[in-house]
Amino acid sequence: MIPLLFSPLGRYVAIAFVLLALAIGVYYKIRADAIAEIEAAATADALRRTQDAIRAGGAIDLSPDRLRKPDGHNRD
């Protein structure tokens, strides 16, 4: 196996193997980063929606007189 690496053909095969391994490694690294970025964006969106719902819930008028208050819609 070692003499094959010292031959001209063996060097090209070894270089091709290293380049292929490097390309596969870069592909999986980019893929993992993209998945992490998408998951982070989804988590941030869910957190933003939850915070907006909490803020909106705190702004609700819970007084008992609210049932008789006009809301601006005409109902005939």
Protein backbone atom coordinates (compact mmCIF):
# COMPACT_ATOMS: atom_id res chain seq x y z
CA MET A 1 0.00 0.00 0.00
CA ILE A 2 2.80 2.42 0.86
CA PRO A 3 4.63 1.95 -2.48
CA LEU A 4 1.38 2.84 -4.23
CA LEU A 5 1.41 6.26 -2.55
CA PHE A 6 4.89 6.97 -3.86
CA SER A 7 3.93 6.23 -7.45
CA PRO A 8 2.56 9.08 -9.60
CA LEU A 9 -0.83 7.41 -9.93
CA GLY A 10 -0.98 6.75 -6.18
CA ARG A 11 -0.34 10.39 -5.37
CA TYR A 12 -3.23 11.46 -7.58
CA VAL A 13 -5.50 8.89 -5.97
CA ALA A 14 -4.47 10.08 -2.50
CA ILE A 15 -5.00 13.73 -3.44
CA ALA A 16 -8.41 12.89 -4.91
CA PHE A 17 -9.34 11.01 -1.73
CA VAL A 18 -8.28 13.93 0.47
CA LEU A 19 -10.18 16.44 -1.68
CA LEU A 20 -13.28 14.24 -1.64
CA ALA A 21 -13.10 13.84 2.13
CA LEU A 22 -12.65 17.60 2.50
CA ALA A 23 -15.63 18.33 0.23
CA ILE A 24 -17.83 15.89 2.17
CA GLY A 25 -16.74 17.47 5.45
CA VAL A 26 -17.50 20.98 4.20
CA TYR A 27 -20.91 19.83 2.92
CA TYR A 28 -21.91 18.33 6.27
CA LYS A 29 -20.62 21.39 8.15
CA ILE A 30 -22.66 23.76 5.99
CA ARG A 31 -25.70 21.49 6.29
CA ALA A 32 -25.42 21.34 10.09
CA ASP A 33 -25.04 25.13 10.31
CA ALA A 34 -28.10 25.65 8.10
CA ILE A 35 -30.20 23.29 10.22
CA ALA A 36 -29.08 25.05 13.40
CA GLU A 37 -29.92 28.45 11.88
CA ILE A 38 -33.41 27.32 10.84
CA GLU A 39 -34.08 25.83 14.28
CA ALA A 40 -32.87 29.03 15.96
CA ALA A 41 -35.14 31.13 13.75
CA ALA A 42 -38.12 28.88 14.52
CA THR A 43 -37.39 29.06 18.25
CA ALA A 44 -37.07 32.85 18.12
CA ASP A 45 -40.36 33.08 16.22
CA ALA A 46 -42.15 30.87 18.75
CA LEU A 47 -40.73 32.92 21.60
CA ARG A 48 -41.78 36.17 19.93
CA ARG A 49 -45.31 34.85 19.38
CA THR A 50 -45.53 33.68 22.98
CA GLN A 51 -44.35 37.05 24.29
CA ASP A 52 -46.81 38.87 22.03
CA ALA A 53 -49.64 36.66 23.31
CA ILE A 54 -48.64 37.33 26.92
CA ARG A 55 -48.51 41.08 26.28
CA ALA A 56 -51.89 41.01 24.51
CA GLY A 57 -53.38 38.98 27.35
CA GLY A 58 -52.22 41.53 29.88
CA ALA A 59 -53.88 44.35 27.93
CA ILE A 60 -57.37 42.82 28.13
CA ASP A 61 -59.96 44.79 30.09
CA LEU A 62 -61.35 42.32 32.61
CA SER A 63 -63.80 44.62 34.36
CA PRO A 64 -67.37 43.29 34.82
CA ASP A 65 -68.79 46.45 33.23
CA ARG A 66 -67.17 45.51 29.94
CA LEU A 67 -70.15 43.35 28.88
CA ARG A 68 -72.33 46.43 28.42
CA LYS A 69 -69.63 48.62 26.86
CA PRO A 70 -70.17 49.32 23.13
CA ASP A 71 -67.42 47.87 20.98
CA GLY A 72 -68.07 49.87 17.81
CA HIS A 73 -69.82 47.10 15.85
CA ASN A 74 -73.40 47.65 14.80
CA ARG A 75 -75.58 44.67 15.52
CA ASP A 76 -79.20 44.86 14.46
